[in-house]
């Protein structure tokens, strides 16, 4: 399932706290993005059509809840990035970042820890 960058902002709000009304989501994300409530409602409707979220009626409004887990979305997006740009391999991605974007000492320490854990 393809979720646009704008739609992912709405998804992040719902992953943080759900269920929420459209007004709740708009209150959380609209101002920071420079969006109107109508824009947020349009994004919610797109996500509903894609099956990424579900709507449950509550009186005269709906409560929205994610259908897909954030971890599953991150996994699919990460794998898609690796497949599209790095032939499905992680090492070229890390190499790219080390050459084009200086890794901090903390980044390097984290990578070393990860490699040590994988070697076990």
PDB file of N, CA and C in Angstrom:
ATOM      1  N   UNK A   1       0.844  -1.172   0.000  1.00  0.00           N
ATOM      2  CA  UNK A   1       0.000   0.000   0.000  1.00  0.00           C
ATOM      3  C   UNK A   1       0.893   1.241   0.000  1.00  0.00           C
ATOM      4  N   UNK A   2       0.641   2.143  -0.907  1.00  0.00           N
ATOM      5  CA  UNK A   2       1.400   3.375  -1.004  1.00  0.00           C
ATOM      6  C   UNK A   2       0.718   4.463  -0.187  1.00  0.00           C
ATOM      7  N   UNK A   3       1.456   5.043   0.719  1.00  0.00           N
ATOM      8  CA  UNK A   3       0.967   6.147   1.531  1.00  0.00           C
ATOM      9  C   UNK A   3       1.870   7.336   1.237  1.00  0.00           C
ATOM     10  N   UNK A   4       1.264   8.451   0.839  1.00  0.00           N
ATOM     11  CA  UNK A   4       2.043   9.640   0.504  1.00  0.00           C
ATOM     12  C   UNK A   4       2.647  10.255   1.765  1.00  0.00           C
ATOM     13  N   UNK A   5       3.567  11.184   1.556  1.00  0.00           N
ATOM     14  CA  UNK A   5       4.190  11.875   2.692  1.00  0.00           C
ATOM     15  C   UNK A   5       3.138  12.604   3.527  1.00  0.00           C
ATOM     16  N   UNK A   6       2.192  13.267   2.864  1.00  0.00           N
ATOM     17  CA  UNK A   6       1.135  13.985   3.592  1.00  0.00           C
ATOM     18  C   UNK A   6       0.248  13.003   4.359  1.00  0.00           C
ATOM     19  N   UNK A   7      -0.110  11.906   3.715  1.00  0.00           N
ATOM     20  CA  UNK A   7      -0.941  10.902   4.387  1.00  0.00           C
ATOM     21  C   UNK A   7      -0.216  10.298   5.582  1.00  0.00           C
ATOM     22  N   UNK A   8       1.102  10.180   5.478  1.00  0.00           N
ATOM     23  CA  UNK A   8       1.859   9.590   6.590  1.00  0.00           C
ATOM     24  C   UNK A   8       1.827  10.476   7.832  1.00  0.00           C
ATOM     25  N   UNK A   9       1.665  11.783   7.649  1.00  0.00           N
ATOM     26  CA  UNK A   9       1.527  12.687   8.800  1.00  0.00           C
ATOM     27  C   UNK A   9       0.254  12.344   9.566  1.00  0.00           C
ATOM     28  N   UNK A  10      -0.828  12.110   8.845  1.00  0.00           N
ATOM     29  CA  UNK A  10      -2.100  11.729   9.466  1.00  0.00           C
ATOM     30  C   UNK A  10      -1.957  10.355  10.132  1.00  0.00           C
ATOM     31  N   UNK A  11      -1.301   9.429   9.435  1.00  0.00           N
ATOM     32  CA  UNK A  11      -1.108   8.092  10.003  1.00  0.00           C
ATOM     33  C   UNK A  11      -0.312   8.170  11.307  1.00  0.00           C
ATOM     34  N   UNK A  12       0.740   8.974  11.318  1.00  0.00           N
ATOM     35  CA  UNK A  12       1.554   9.102  12.540  1.00  0.00           C
ATOM     36  C   UNK A  12       0.706   9.599  13.710  1.00  0.00           C
ATOM     37  N   UNK A  13      -0.184  10.554  13.437  1.00  0.00           N
ATOM     38  CA  UNK A  13      -1.075  11.053  14.498  1.00  0.00           C
ATOM     39  C   UNK A  13      -1.969   9.933  15.013  1.00  0.00           C
ATOM     40  N   UNK A  14      -2.480   9.105  14.101  1.00  0.00           N
ATOM     41  CA  UNK A  14      -3.353   7.998  14.517  1.00  0.00           C
ATOM     42  C   UNK A  14      -2.561   6.878  15.183  1.00  0.00           C
ATOM     43  N   UNK A  15      -1.333   6.645  14.766  1.00  0.00           N
ATOM     44  CA  UNK A  15      -0.511   5.636  15.447  1.00  0.00           C
ATOM     45  C   UNK A  15      -0.170   6.079  16.865  1.00  0.00           C
ATOM     46  N   UNK A  16       0.000   7.381  17.065  1.00  0.00           N
ATOM     47  CA  UNK A  16       0.309   7.877  18.411  1.00  0.00           C
ATOM     48  C   UNK A  16      -0.879   7.710  19.348  1.00  0.00           C
ATOM     49  N   UNK A  17      -2.092   7.988  18.800  1.00  0.00           N
ATOM     50  CA  UNK A  17      -3.294   7.918  19.646  1.00  0.00           C
ATOM     51  C   UNK A  17      -4.488   7.644  18.755  1.00  0.00           C
ATOM     52  N   UNK A  18      -5.160   6.572  19.039  1.00  0.00           N
ATOM     53  CA  UNK A  18      -6.359   6.217  18.280  1.00  0.00           C
ATOM     54  C   UNK A  18      -7.333   5.550  19.241  1.00  0.00           C
ATOM     55  N   UNK A  19      -8.610   5.664  18.975  1.00  0.00           N
ATOM     56  CA  UNK A  19      -9.218   6.342  17.836  1.00  0.00           C
ATOM     57  C   UNK A  19      -9.257   7.852  18.056  1.00  0.00           C
ATOM     58  N   UNK A  20      -9.397   8.570  16.941  1.00  0.00           N
ATOM     59  CA  UNK A  20      -9.535  10.021  16.958  1.00  0.00           C
ATOM     60  C   UNK A  20     -10.568  10.445  15.923  1.00  0.00           C
ATOM     61  N   UNK A  21     -11.194  11.577  16.175  1.00  0.00           N
ATOM     62  CA  UNK A  21     -12.081  12.172  15.182  1.00  0.00           C
ATOM     63  C   UNK A  21     -11.231  12.937  14.165  1.00  0.00           C
ATOM     64  N   UNK A  22     -11.826  13.305  13.054  1.00  0.00           N
ATOM     65  CA  UNK A  22     -11.120  14.108  12.050  1.00  0.00           C
ATOM     66  C   UNK A  22     -10.695  15.446  12.658  1.00  0.00           C
ATOM     67  N   UNK A  23     -11.546  15.992  13.499  1.00  0.00           N
ATOM     68  CA  UNK A  23     -11.231  17.270  14.144  1.00  0.00           C
ATOM     69  C   UNK A  23     -10.037  17.123  15.090  1.00  0.00           C
ATOM     70  N   UNK A  24      -9.975  15.999  15.804  1.00  0.00           N
ATOM     71  CA  UNK A  24      -8.834  15.743  16.693  1.00  0.00           C
ATOM     72  C   UNK A  24      -7.532  15.666  15.892  1.00  0.00           C
ATOM     73  N   UNK A  25      -7.587  14.921  14.793  1.00  0.00           N
ATOM     74  CA  UNK A  25      -6.394  14.767  13.951  1.00  0.00           C
ATOM     75  C   UNK A  25      -5.984  16.129  13.395  1.00  0.00           C
ATOM     76  N   UNK A  26      -6.951  16.886  12.900  1.00  0.00           N
ATOM     77  CA  UNK A  26      -6.663  18.216  12.358  1.00  0.00           C
ATOM     78  C   UNK A  26      -6.042  19.112  13.430  1.00  0.00           C
ATOM     79  N   UNK A  27      -6.573  19.043  14.636  1.00  0.00           N
ATOM     80  CA  UNK A  27      -6.033  19.839  15.734  1.00  0.00           C
ATOM     81  C   UNK A  27      -4.590  19.483  16.053  1.00  0.00           C
ATOM     82  N   UNK A  28      -4.234  18.245  15.814  1.00  0.00           N
ATOM     83  CA  UNK A  28      -2.880  17.785  16.108  1.00  0.00           C
ATOM     84  C   UNK A  28      -1.886  18.112  15.003  1.00  0.00           C
ATOM     85  N   UNK A  29      -2.318  18.059  13.735  1.00  0.00           N
ATOM     86  CA  UNK A  29      -1.342  18.164  12.644  1.00  0.00           C
ATOM     87  C   UNK A  29      -1.504  19.373  11.721  1.00  0.00           C
ATOM     88  N   UNK A  30      -2.695  19.950  11.631  1.00  0.00           N
ATOM     89  CA  UNK A  30      -2.968  20.968  10.600  1.00  0.00           C
ATOM     90  C   UNK A  30      -2.055  22.186  10.709  1.00  0.00           C
ATOM     91  N   UNK A  31      -1.978  22.775  11.868  1.00  0.00           N
ATOM     92  CA  UNK A  31      -1.207  24.014  12.011  1.00  0.00           C
ATOM     93  C   UNK A  31       0.270  23.807  11.685  1.00  0.00           C
ATOM     94  N   UNK A  32       0.843  22.743  12.193  1.00  0.00           N
ATOM     95  CA  UNK A  32       2.255  22.469  11.950  1.00  0.00           C
ATOM     96  C   UNK A  32       2.581  22.230  10.488  1.00  0.00           C
ATOM     97  N   UNK A  33       1.589  21.792   9.715  1.00  0.00           N
ATOM     98  CA  UNK A  33       1.786  21.526   8.292  1.00  0.00           C
ATOM     99  C   UNK A  33       1.298  22.672   7.409  1.00  0.00           C
ATOM    100  N   UNK A  34       0.623  23.637   8.011  1.00  0.00           N
ATOM    101  CA  UNK A  34       0.037  24.711   7.221  1.00  0.00           C
ATOM    102  C   UNK A  34      -1.206  24.268   6.474  1.00  0.00           C
ATOM    103  N   UNK A  35      -1.927  23.290   7.023  1.00  0.00           N
ATOM    104  CA  UNK A  35      -3.116  22.725   6.395  1.00  0.00           C
ATOM    105  C   UNK A  35      -4.371  23.262   7.045  1.00  0.00           C
ATOM    106  N   UNK A  36      -5.467  23.193   6.290  1.00  0.00           N
ATOM    107  CA  UNK A  36      -6.785  23.471   6.856  1.00  0.00           C
ATOM    108  C   UNK A  36      -7.387  22.150   7.329  1.00  0.00           C
ATOM    109  N   UNK A  37      -8.473  22.258   8.072  1.00  0.00           N
ATOM    110  CA  UNK A  37      -9.185  21.047   8.501  1.00  0.00           C
ATOM    111  C   UNK A  37      -9.687  20.269   7.285  1.00  0.00           C
ATOM    112  N   UNK A  38     -10.092  20.995   6.241  1.00  0.00           N
ATOM    113  CA  UNK A  38     -10.576  20.337   5.017  1.00  0.00           C
ATOM    114  C   UNK A  38      -9.475  19.491   4.381  1.00  0.00           C
ATOM    115  N   UNK A  39      -8.258  19.974   4.412  1.00  0.00           N
ATOM    116  CA  UNK A  39      -7.130  19.206   3.856  1.00  0.00           C
ATOM    117  C   UNK A  39      -6.945  17.911   4.635  1.00  0.00           C
ATOM    118  N   UNK A  40      -7.010  17.994   5.958  1.00  0.00           N
ATOM    119  CA  UNK A  40      -6.857  16.802   6.795  1.00  0.00           C
ATOM    120  C   UNK A  40      -7.986  15.819   6.500  1.00  0.00           C
ATOM    121  N   UNK A  41      -9.203  16.305   6.346  1.00  0.00           N
ATOM    122  CA  UNK A  41     -10.334  15.422   6.041  1.00  0.00           C
ATOM    123  C   UNK A  41     -10.162  14.750   4.684  1.00  0.00           C
ATOM    124  N   UNK A  42      -9.601  15.473   3.719  1.00  0.00           N
ATOM    125  CA  UNK A  42      -9.319  14.881   2.407  1.00  0.00           C
ATOM    126  C   UNK A  42      -8.298  13.753   2.547  1.00  0.00           C
ATOM    127  N   UNK A  43      -7.268  13.985   3.333  1.00  0.00           N
ATOM    128  CA  UNK A  43      -6.245  12.949   3.552  1.00  0.00           C
ATOM    129  C   UNK A  43      -6.842  11.737   4.262  1.00  0.00           C
ATOM    130  N   UNK A  44      -7.706  11.983   5.225  1.00  0.00           N
ATOM    131  CA  UNK A  44      -8.382  10.888   5.930  1.00  0.00           C
ATOM    132  C   UNK A  44      -9.214  10.075   4.944  1.00  0.00           C
ATOM    133  N   UNK A  45      -9.942  10.744   4.061  1.00  0.00           N
ATOM    134  CA  UNK A  45     -10.758  10.030   3.072  1.00  0.00           C
ATOM    135  C   UNK A  45      -9.891   9.200   2.125  1.00  0.00           C
ATOM    136  N   UNK A  46      -8.747   9.716   1.736  1.00  0.00           N
ATOM    137  CA  UNK A  46      -7.838   8.935   0.886  1.00  0.00           C
ATOM    138  C   UNK A  46      -7.364   7.678   1.610  1.00  0.00           C
ATOM    139  N   UNK A  47      -7.023   7.849   2.891  1.00  0.00           N
ATOM    140  CA  UNK A  47      -6.553   6.698   3.673  1.00  0.00           C
ATOM    141  C   UNK A  47      -7.668   5.671   3.873  1.00  0.00           C
ATOM    142  N   UNK A  48      -8.900   6.134   4.016  1.00  0.00           N
ATOM    143  CA  UNK A  48     -10.039   5.223   4.116  1.00  0.00           C
ATOM    144  C   UNK A  48     -10.190   4.414   2.834  1.00  0.00           C
ATOM    145  N   UNK A  49     -10.107   5.077   1.683  1.00  0.00           N
ATOM    146  CA  UNK A  49     -10.246   4.394   0.395  1.00  0.00           C
ATOM    147  C   UNK A  49      -9.134   3.373   0.176  1.00  0.00           C
ATOM    148  N   UNK A  50      -7.949   3.655   0.695  1.00  0.00           N
ATOM    149  CA  UNK A  50      -6.817   2.735   0.549  1.00  0.00           C
ATOM    150  C   UNK A  50      -6.905   1.569   1.531  1.00  0.00           C
ATOM    151  N   UNK A  51      -7.756   1.699   2.541  1.00  0.00           N
ATOM    152  CA  UNK A  51      -7.870   0.651   3.545  1.00  0.00           C
ATOM    153  C   UNK A  51      -6.816   0.744   4.632  1.00  0.00           C
ATOM    154  N   UNK A  52      -6.155   1.893   4.734  1.00  0.00           N
ATOM    155  CA  UNK A  52      -5.120   2.083   5.751  1.00  0.00           C
ATOM    156  C   UNK A  52      -5.709   2.399   7.114  1.00  0.00           C
ATOM    157  N   UNK A  53      -6.906   2.988   7.115  1.00  0.00           N
ATOM    158  CA  UNK A  53      -7.596   3.306   8.363  1.00  0.00           C
ATOM    159  C   UNK A  53      -9.042   2.838   8.263  1.00  0.00           C
ATOM    160  N   UNK A  54      -9.673   2.728   9.415  1.00  0.00           N
ATOM    161  CA  UNK A  54     -11.082   2.345   9.489  1.00  0.00           C
ATOM    162  C   UNK A  54     -11.841   3.447  10.216  1.00  0.00           C
ATOM    163  N   UNK A  55     -13.119   3.556   9.899  1.00  0.00           N
ATOM    164  CA  UNK A  55     -13.985   4.553  10.522  1.00  0.00           C
ATOM    165  C   UNK A  55     -15.109   3.846  11.272  1.00  0.00           C
ATOM    166  N   UNK A  56     -15.330   4.283  12.498  1.00  0.00           N
ATOM    167  CA  UNK A  56     -16.405   3.745  13.314  1.00  0.00           C
ATOM    168  C   UNK A  56     -17.340   4.891  13.673  1.00  0.00           C
ATOM    169  N   UNK A  57     -18.630   4.768  13.333  1.00  0.00           N
ATOM    170  CA  UNK A  57     -19.554   5.870  13.656  1.00  0.00           C
ATOM    171  C   UNK A  57     -19.708   6.030  15.168  1.00  0.00           C
ATOM    172  N   UNK A  58     -19.737   7.291  15.579  1.00  0.00           N
ATOM    173  CA  UNK A  58     -20.013   7.623  16.975  1.00  0.00           C
ATOM    174  C   UNK A  58     -20.905   8.859  16.968  1.00  0.00           C
ATOM    175  N   UNK A  59     -22.179   8.635  17.076  1.00  0.00           N
ATOM    176  CA  UNK A  59     -23.126   9.745  16.977  1.00  0.00           C
ATOM    177  C   UNK A  59     -23.102  10.320  15.572  1.00  0.00           C
ATOM    178  N   UNK A  60     -22.852  11.627  15.467  1.00  0.00           N
ATOM    179  CA  UNK A  60     -22.843  12.303  14.173  1.00  0.00           C
ATOM    180  C   UNK A  60     -21.439  12.424  13.590  1.00  0.00           C
ATOM    181  N   UNK A  61     -20.485  11.742  14.180  1.00  0.00           N
ATOM    182  CA  UNK A  61     -19.108  11.814  13.684  1.00  0.00           C
ATOM    183  C   UNK A  61     -18.509  10.415  13.612  1.00  0.00           C
ATOM    184  N   UNK A  62     -17.292  10.350  13.129  1.00  0.00           N
ATOM    185  CA  UNK A  62     -16.584   9.069  13.022  1.00  0.00           C
ATOM    186  C   UNK A  62     -15.306   9.109  13.831  1.00  0.00           C
ATOM    187  N   UNK A  63     -14.953   7.939  14.337  1.00  0.00           N
ATOM    188  CA  UNK A  63     -13.660   7.759  14.988  1.00  0.00           C
ATOM    189  C   UNK A  63     -12.783   6.957  14.043  1.00  0.00           C
ATOM    190  N   UNK A  64     -11.553   7.403  13.842  1.00  0.00           N
ATOM    191  CA  UNK A  64     -10.631   6.782  12.895  1.00  0.00           C
ATOM    192  C   UNK A  64      -9.527   6.042  13.635  1.00  0.00           C
ATOM    193  N   UNK A  65      -9.233   4.861  13.119  1.00  0.00           N
ATOM    194  CA  UNK A  65      -8.235   3.975  13.712  1.00  0.00           C
ATOM    195  C   UNK A  65      -7.378   3.387  12.596  1.00  0.00           C
ATOM    196  N   UNK A  66      -6.057   3.280  12.814  1.00  0.00           N
ATOM    197  CA  UNK A  66      -5.217   2.635  11.790  1.00  0.00           C
ATOM    198  C   UNK A  66      -5.565   1.161  11.649  1.00  0.00           C
ATOM    199  N   UNK A  67      -5.538   0.676  10.418  1.00  0.00           N
ATOM    200  CA  UNK A  67      -5.736  -0.748  10.139  1.00  0.00           C
ATOM    201  C   UNK A  67      -4.379  -1.435  10.034  1.00  0.00           C
ATOM    202  N   UNK A  68      -3.408  -0.709   9.506  1.00  0.00           N
ATOM    203  CA  UNK A  68      -2.068  -1.280   9.380  1.00  0.00           C
ATOM    204  C   UNK A  68      -1.209  -0.806  10.553  1.00  0.00           C
ATOM    205  N   UNK A  69      -0.367  -1.695  11.033  1.00  0.00           N
ATOM    206  CA  UNK A  69       0.534  -1.360  12.135  1.00  0.00           C
ATOM    207  C   UNK A  69       1.691  -0.522  11.618  1.00  0.00           C
ATOM    208  N   UNK A  70       2.173   0.379  12.447  1.00  0.00           N
ATOM    209  CA  UNK A  70       3.292   1.231  12.047  1.00  0.00           C
ATOM    210  C   UNK A  70       4.513   0.386  11.694  1.00  0.00           C
ATOM    211  N   UNK A  71       4.778  -0.645  12.480  1.00  0.00           N
ATOM    212  CA  UNK A  71       5.949  -1.494  12.226  1.00  0.00           C
ATOM    213  C   UNK A  71       5.869  -2.144  10.839  1.00  0.00           C
ATOM    214  N   UNK A  72       4.693  -2.594  10.448  1.00  0.00           N
ATOM    215  CA  UNK A  72       4.525  -3.214   9.128  1.00  0.00           C
ATOM    216  C   UNK A  72       4.730  -2.185   8.021  1.00  0.00           C
ATOM    217  N   UNK A  73       4.237  -0.977   8.225  1.00  0.00           N
ATOM    218  CA  UNK A  73       4.419   0.094   7.241  1.00  0.00           C
ATOM    219  C   UNK A  73       5.900   0.455   7.099  1.00  0.00           C
ATOM    220  N   UNK A  74       6.581   0.629   8.225  1.00  0.00           N
ATOM    221  CA  UNK A  74       8.007   0.968   8.199  1.00  0.00           C
ATOM    222  C   UNK A  74       8.804  -0.136   7.509  1.00  0.00           C
ATOM    223  N   UNK A  75       8.478  -1.382   7.798  1.00  0.00           N
ATOM    224  CA  UNK A  75       9.169  -2.511   7.168  1.00  0.00           C
ATOM    225  C   UNK A  75       8.995  -2.477   5.648  1.00  0.00           C
ATOM    226  N   UNK A  76       7.772  -2.274   5.195  1.00  0.00           N
ATOM    227  CA  UNK A  76       7.502  -2.259   3.755  1.00  0.00           C
ATOM    228  C   UNK A  76       8.186  -1.077   3.077  1.00  0.00           C
ATOM    229  N   UNK A  77       8.117   0.094   3.686  1.00  0.00           N
ATOM    230  CA  UNK A  77       8.750   1.280   3.108  1.00  0.00           C
ATOM    231  C   UNK A  77      10.269   1.133   3.079  1.00  0.00           C
ATOM    232  N   UNK A  78      10.834   0.601   4.152  1.00  0.00           N
ATOM    233  CA  UNK A  78      12.287   0.410   4.220  1.00  0.00           C
ATOM    234  C   UNK A  78      12.756  -0.569   3.157  1.00  0.00           C
ATOM    235  N   UNK A  79      12.044  -1.674   3.030  1.00  0.00           N
ATOM    236  CA  UNK A  79      12.413  -2.671   2.029  1.00  0.00           C
ATOM    237  C   UNK A  79      12.258  -2.106   0.625  1.00  0.00           C
ATOM    238  N   UNK A  80      11.208  -1.323   0.415  1.00  0.00           N
ATOM    239  CA  UNK A  80      11.004  -0.691  -0.884  1.00  0.00           C
ATOM    240  C   UNK A  80      12.151   0.241  -1.245  1.00  0.00           C
ATOM    241  N   UNK A  81      12.611   1.019  -0.275  1.00  0.00           N
ATOM    242  CA  UNK A  81      13.752   1.907  -0.500  1.00  0.00           C
ATOM    243  C   UNK A  81      15.001   1.114  -0.856  1.00  0.00           C
ATOM    244  N   UNK A  82      15.273   0.078  -0.085  1.00  0.00           N
ATOM    245  CA  UNK A  82      16.447  -0.761  -0.369  1.00  0.00           C
ATOM    246  C   UNK A  82      16.350  -1.395  -1.749  1.00  0.00           C
ATOM    247  N   UNK A  83      15.182  -1.917  -2.092  1.00  0.00           N
ATOM    248  CA  UNK A  83      15.001  -2.574  -3.388  1.00  0.00           C
ATOM    249  C   UNK A  83      15.165  -1.595  -4.548  1.00  0.00           C
ATOM    250  N   UNK A  84      14.549  -0.416  -4.412  1.00  0.00           N
ATOM    251  CA  UNK A  84      14.583   0.564  -5.509  1.00  0.00           C
ATOM    252  C   UNK A  84      15.957   1.169  -5.723  1.00  0.00           C
ATOM    253  N   UNK A  85      16.656   1.490  -4.644  1.00  0.00           N
ATOM    254  CA  UNK A  85      17.886   2.264  -4.772  1.00  0.00           C
ATOM    255  C   UNK A  85      19.174   1.490  -4.538  1.00  0.00           C
ATOM    256  N   UNK A  86      19.102   0.347  -3.841  1.00  0.00           N
ATOM    257  CA  UNK A  86      20.324  -0.338  -3.442  1.00  0.00           C
ATOM    258  C   UNK A  86      20.277  -1.841  -3.696  1.00  0.00           C
ATOM    259  N   UNK A  87      19.485  -2.242  -4.686  1.00  0.00           N
ATOM    260  CA  UNK A  87      19.380  -3.646  -5.083  1.00  0.00           C
ATOM    261  C   UNK A  87      19.070  -4.569  -3.900  1.00  0.00           C
ATOM    262  N   UNK A  88      18.303  -4.045  -2.951  1.00  0.00           N
ATOM    263  CA  UNK A  88      17.869  -4.837  -1.817  1.00  0.00           C
ATOM    264  C   UNK A  88      18.922  -5.058  -0.749  1.00  0.00           C
ATOM    265  N   UNK A  89      20.059  -4.373  -0.849  1.00  0.00           N
ATOM    266  CA  UNK A  89      21.162  -4.595   0.088  1.00  0.00           C
ATOM    267  C   UNK A  89      21.327  -3.414   1.041  1.00  0.00           C
ATOM    268  N   UNK A  90      21.587  -3.724   2.288  1.00  0.00           N
ATOM    269  CA  UNK A  90      21.728  -2.701   3.312  1.00  0.00           C
ATOM    270  C   UNK A  90      23.104  -2.029   3.295  1.00  0.00           C
ATOM    271  N   UNK A  91      24.154  -2.798   3.036  1.00  0.00           N
ATOM    272  CA  UNK A  91      25.515  -2.239   3.088  1.00  0.00           C
ATOM    273  C   UNK A  91      25.688  -1.035   2.152  1.00  0.00           C
ATOM    274  N   UNK A  92      25.199  -1.084   0.902  1.00  0.00           N
ATOM    275  CA  UNK A  92      25.348   0.103   0.049  1.00  0.00           C
ATOM    276  C   UNK A  92      24.607   1.332   0.592  1.00  0.00           C
ATOM    277  N   UNK A  93      23.501   1.119   1.290  1.00  0.00           N
ATOM    278  CA  UNK A  93      22.791   2.241   1.898  1.00  0.00           C
ATOM    279  C   UNK A  93      23.652   2.891   2.973  1.00  0.00           C
ATOM    280  N   UNK A  94      24.215   2.082   3.848  1.00  0.00           N
ATOM    281  CA  UNK A  94      25.067   2.603   4.917  1.00  0.00           C
ATOM    282  C   UNK A  94      26.286   3.298   4.315  1.00  0.00           C
ATOM    283  N   UNK A  95      26.866   2.687   3.289  1.00  0.00           N
ATOM    284  CA  UNK A  95      28.010   3.283   2.608  1.00  0.00           C
ATOM    285  C   UNK A  95      27.647   4.644   2.016  1.00  0.00           C
ATOM    286  N   UNK A  96      26.474   4.719   1.398  1.00  0.00           N
ATOM    287  CA  UNK A  96      26.003   5.981   0.829  1.00  0.00           C
ATOM    288  C   UNK A  96      25.943   7.073   1.892  1.00  0.00           C
ATOM    289  N   UNK A  97      25.349   6.747   3.044  1.00  0.00           N
ATOM    290  CA  UNK A  97      25.243   7.734   4.106  1.00  0.00           C
ATOM    291  C   UNK A  97      26.599   8.099   4.684  1.00  0.00           C
ATOM    292  N   UNK A  98      27.492   7.143   4.762  1.00  0.00           N
ATOM    293  CA  UNK A  98      28.807   7.453   5.316  1.00  0.00           C
ATOM    294  C   UNK A  98      29.611   8.348   4.376  1.00  0.00           C
ATOM    295  N   UNK A  99      29.377   8.234   3.072  1.00  0.00           N
ATOM    296  CA  UNK A  99      30.105   9.054   2.099  1.00  0.00           C
ATOM    297  C   UNK A  99      29.472  10.421   1.882  1.00  0.00           C
ATOM    298  N   UNK A 100      28.151  10.486   1.935  1.00  0.00           N
ATOM    299  CA  UNK A 100      27.443  11.711   1.574  1.00  0.00           C
ATOM    300  C   UNK A 100      26.863  12.489   2.742  1.00  0.00           C
ATOM    301  N   UNK A 101      26.860  11.890   3.880  1.00  0.00           N
ATOM    302  CA  UNK A 101      26.293  12.543   5.053  1.00  0.00           C
ATOM    303  C   UNK A 101      27.084  12.034   6.240  1.00  0.00           C
ATOM    304  N   UNK A 102      27.863  12.866   6.807  1.00  0.00           N
ATOM    305  CA  UNK A 102      28.780  12.428   7.853  1.00  0.00           C
ATOM    306  C   UNK A 102      28.035  11.725   8.996  1.00  0.00           C
ATOM    307  N   UNK A 103      28.487  10.536   9.300  1.00  0.00           N
ATOM    308  CA  UNK A 103      27.920   9.796  10.424  1.00  0.00           C
ATOM    309  C   UNK A 103      28.518  10.338  11.715  1.00  0.00           C
ATOM    310  N   UNK A 104      27.684  10.497  12.713  1.00  0.00           N
ATOM    311  CA  UNK A 104      28.165  10.967  14.012  1.00  0.00           C
ATOM    312  C   UNK A 104      28.851   9.809  14.740  1.00  0.00           C
ATOM    313  N   UNK A 105      29.677  10.125  15.714  1.00  0.00           N
ATOM    314  CA  UNK A 105      30.269   9.050  16.517  1.00  0.00           C
ATOM    315  C   UNK A 105      29.199   8.149  17.143  1.00  0.00           C
ATOM    316  N   UNK A 106      28.065   8.724  17.500  1.00  0.00           N
ATOM    317  CA  UNK A 106      26.961   7.933  18.066  1.00  0.00           C
ATOM    318  C   UNK A 106      26.396   6.978  17.015  1.00  0.00           C
ATOM    319  N   UNK A 107      26.245   7.449  15.771  1.00  0.00           N
ATOM    320  CA  UNK A 107      25.774   6.590  14.683  1.00  0.00           C
ATOM    321  C   UNK A 107      26.722   5.414  14.487  1.00  0.00           C
ATOM    322  N   UNK A 108      28.000   5.694  14.473  1.00  0.00           N
ATOM    323  CA  UNK A 108      29.012   4.655  14.262  1.00  0.00           C
ATOM    324  C   UNK A 108      28.979   3.649  15.408  1.00  0.00           C
ATOM    325  N   UNK A 109      28.856   4.137  16.633  1.00  0.00           N
ATOM    326  CA  UNK A 109      28.779   3.239  17.793  1.00  0.00           C
ATOM    327  C   UNK A 109      27.536   2.356  17.703  1.00  0.00           C
ATOM    328  N   UNK A 110      26.412   2.939  17.296  1.00  0.00           N
ATOM    329  CA  UNK A 110      25.175   2.160  17.143  1.00  0.00           C
ATOM    330  C   UNK A 110      25.336   1.079  16.079  1.00  0.00           C
ATOM    331  N   UNK A 111      25.968   1.425  14.958  1.00  0.00           N
ATOM    332  CA  UNK A 111      26.194   0.443  13.899  1.00  0.00           C
ATOM    333  C   UNK A 111      27.114  -0.681  14.371  1.00  0.00           C
ATOM    334  N   UNK A 112      28.156  -0.340  15.114  1.00  0.00           N
ATOM    335  CA  UNK A 112      29.070  -1.355  15.637  1.00  0.00           C
ATOM    336  C   UNK A 112      28.343  -2.297  16.595  1.00  0.00           C
ATOM    337  N   UNK A 113      27.472  -1.727  17.448  1.00  0.00           N
ATOM    338  CA  UNK A 113      26.700  -2.556  18.370  1.00  0.00           C
ATOM    339  C   UNK A 113      25.781  -3.492  17.615  1.00  0.00           C
ATOM    340  N   UNK A 114      25.133  -2.973  16.593  1.00  0.00           N
ATOM    341  CA  UNK A 114      24.222  -3.786  15.782  1.00  0.00           C
ATOM    342  C   UNK A 114      24.968  -4.923  15.108  1.00  0.00           C
ATOM    343  N   UNK A 115      26.121  -4.646  14.533  1.00  0.00           N
ATOM    344  CA  UNK A 115      26.912  -5.668  13.863  1.00  0.00           C
ATOM    345  C   UNK A 115      27.370  -6.727  14.868  1.00  0.00           C
ATOM    346  N   UNK A 116      27.779  -6.296  16.051  1.00  0.00           N
ATOM    347  CA  UNK A 116      28.193  -7.241  17.091  1.00  0.00           C
ATOM    348  C   UNK A 116      27.043  -8.156  17.483  1.00  0.00           C
ATOM    349  N   UNK A 117      25.835  -7.587  17.610  1.00  0.00           N
ATOM    350  CA  UNK A 117      24.665  -8.393  17.950  1.00  0.00           C
ATOM    351  C   UNK A 117      24.336  -9.387  16.846  1.00  0.00           C
ATOM    352  N   UNK A 118      24.475  -8.952  15.615  1.00  0.00           N
ATOM    353  CA  UNK A 118      24.170  -9.849  14.481  1.00  0.00           C
ATOM    354  C   UNK A 118      25.203 -10.955  14.368  1.00  0.00           C
ATOM    355  N   UNK A 119      26.435 -10.703  14.767  1.00  0.00           N
ATOM    356  CA  UNK A 119      27.493 -11.719  14.703  1.00  0.00           C
ATOM    357  C   UNK A 119      27.275 -12.823  15.733  1.00  0.00           C
ATOM    358  N   UNK A 120      26.555 -12.536  16.792  1.00  0.00           N
ATOM    359  CA  UNK A 120      26.341 -13.538  17.850  1.00  0.00           C
ATOM    360  C   UNK A 120      25.455 -14.642  17.402  1.00  0.00           C
TER     361      UNK A 120
END
